[in-house]
Amino acid sequence: MQPETNEDAWIGLSSPEGIATLDDAQTYVTNIGQFLVDNPTAGATFDTRFGGLPSRVINGDGERNGRNIRFSIVMVDLPGSRIALMVGLATPDAADGVIDEINSVFRSIKAGR
């Protein structure tokens, strides 16, 4: 999804079939990274909690359509052996405020029972 008011930011949500653990999710993200950004460089990777659920976050930089991009990927361990992937991308000009806002959106999402 891309906001109508800001062409410098994108957000995506997915729960891929067959991805059951945070380690599986990290491998999956590494393999699909080439489709999200070109020349990705992962920075901080850390475990945390989103919505009270175990989660892992990868932040980094890359390129998309010839533009420099910052990204944040959140992997959430859902009940029932499922993982939610949440991806936020933003240009460096937009990233300082936008990535924090994107992560706030991610934190507001609650898993259904």
Protein backbone atom coordinates (compact mmCIF):
# COMPACT_ATOMS: atom_id res chain seq x y z
CA MET A 1 0.00 0.00 0.00
CA GLN A 2 1.18 3.53 -0.70
CA PRO A 3 -0.32 6.60 0.95
CA GLU A 4 -2.03 9.00 -1.44
CA THR A 5 -0.41 11.94 0.32
CA ASN A 6 3.17 10.64 0.30
CA GLU A 7 4.75 8.83 -2.64
CA ASP A 8 7.93 8.33 -0.60
CA ALA A 9 6.54 5.58 1.66
CA TRP A 10 5.09 2.09 1.21
CA ILE A 11 3.69 -0.47 3.63
CA GLY A 12 2.90 -4.16 3.18
CA LEU A 13 1.38 -6.93 5.32
CA SER A 14 1.47 -10.70 4.71
CA SER A 15 1.18 -14.06 6.44
CA PRO A 16 2.91 -16.49 4.07
CA GLU A 17 1.81 -20.13 4.09
CA GLY A 18 4.35 -22.52 5.64
CA ILE A 19 6.33 -19.93 7.60
CA ALA A 20 5.95 -21.01 11.24
CA THR A 21 8.84 -19.56 13.27
CA LEU A 22 10.77 -16.31 13.51
CA ASP A 23 13.87 -18.09 12.17
CA ASP A 24 11.81 -19.35 9.18
CA ALA A 25 10.54 -15.81 8.66
CA GLN A 26 14.02 -14.33 8.71
CA THR A 27 15.17 -16.85 6.08
CA TYR A 28 12.04 -16.10 4.00
CA VAL A 29 12.62 -12.35 4.23
CA THR A 30 16.27 -12.78 3.24
CA ASN A 31 15.17 -14.75 0.17
CA ILE A 32 12.47 -12.27 -0.91
CA GLY A 33 14.56 -9.22 -0.04
CA GLN A 34 15.68 -8.91 -3.65
CA PHE A 35 12.04 -8.26 -4.62
CA LEU A 36 11.61 -5.56 -1.97
CA VAL A 37 14.81 -3.59 -2.47
CA ASP A 38 17.96 -3.78 -4.56
CA ASN A 39 21.34 -3.94 -2.83
CA PRO A 40 19.89 -4.38 0.68
CA THR A 41 22.11 -3.76 3.68
CA ALA A 42 20.60 -4.96 6.95
CA GLY A 43 21.39 -2.85 9.96
CA ALA A 44 19.93 -3.51 13.37
CA THR A 45 18.15 -6.84 13.88
CA PHE A 46 16.56 -7.40 17.25
CA ASP A 47 13.92 -9.44 19.03
CA THR A 48 11.05 -7.59 20.70
CA ARG A 49 7.29 -7.93 21.22
CA PHE A 50 4.44 -6.55 19.12
CA GLY A 51 0.94 -6.80 20.54
CA GLY A 52 2.39 -8.95 23.33
CA LEU A 53 3.67 -11.51 20.79
CA PRO A 54 7.30 -12.49 20.18
CA SER A 55 8.67 -10.55 17.21
CA ARG A 56 11.84 -9.79 15.29
CA VAL A 57 12.69 -6.52 13.54
CA ILE A 58 15.19 -5.91 10.76
CA ASN A 59 16.02 -2.35 9.74
CA GLY A 60 18.23 -1.45 6.82
CA ASP A 61 18.87 0.41 3.59
CA GLY A 62 18.73 -0.38 -0.11
CA GLU A 63 17.44 0.93 -3.43
CA ARG A 64 14.05 0.74 -5.13
CA ASN A 65 13.37 2.03 -8.62
CA GLY A 66 16.73 3.80 -8.56
CA ARG A 67 16.00 5.63 -5.30
CA ASN A 68 17.66 5.14 -1.92
CA ILE A 69 15.29 3.44 0.52
CA ARG A 70 15.21 2.69 4.23
CA PHE A 71 13.25 -0.35 5.31
CA SER A 72 11.81 -1.87 8.45
CA ILE A 73 10.59 -5.49 8.45
CA VAL A 74 8.65 -6.78 11.44
CA MET A 75 8.06 -10.52 11.84
CA VAL A 76 5.44 -11.46 14.45
CA ASP A 77 5.03 -14.99 15.83
CA LEU A 78 1.24 -15.51 15.68
CA PRO A 79 -0.78 -18.18 17.47
CA GLY A 80 -1.22 -21.40 15.48
CA SER A 81 2.25 -21.67 13.92
CA ARG A 82 1.85 -18.61 11.66
CA ILE A 83 3.98 -15.54 11.14
CA ALA A 84 2.85 -12.05 10.16
CA LEU A 85 5.26 -10.01 8.07
CA MET A 86 4.96 -6.25 8.06
CA VAL A 87 7.20 -4.23 5.76
CA GLY A 88 7.68 -0.48 5.69
CA LEU A 89 9.78 1.28 3.03
CA ALA A 90 10.54 4.98 2.81
CA THR A 91 12.97 7.31 1.08
CA PRO A 92 15.61 8.83 3.38
CA ASP A 93 13.90 12.23 3.14
CA ALA A 94 10.67 10.74 4.42
CA ALA A 95 12.12 7.98 6.60
CA ASP A 96 13.00 9.89 9.75
CA GLY A 97 9.37 10.47 10.71
CA VAL A 98 7.66 7.91 8.51
CA ILE A 99 9.39 4.73 9.72
CA ASP A 100 8.42 5.61 13.30
CA GLU A 101 4.82 6.15 12.15
CA ILE A 102 4.84 2.88 10.20
CA ASN A 103 6.12 1.00 13.26
CA SER A 104 3.34 2.65 15.32
CA VAL A 105 0.80 1.28 12.82
CA PHE A 106 2.42 -2.16 13.13
CA ARG A 107 2.27 -2.00 16.93
CA SER A 108 -1.45 -1.19 16.80
CA ILE A 109 -2.30 -4.42 14.94
CA LYS A 110 -3.70 -7.18 17.13
CA ALA A 111 -3.82 -10.87 16.24
CA GLY A 112 -7.31 -12.36 15.90
CA ARG A 113 -8.21 -15.37 17.99
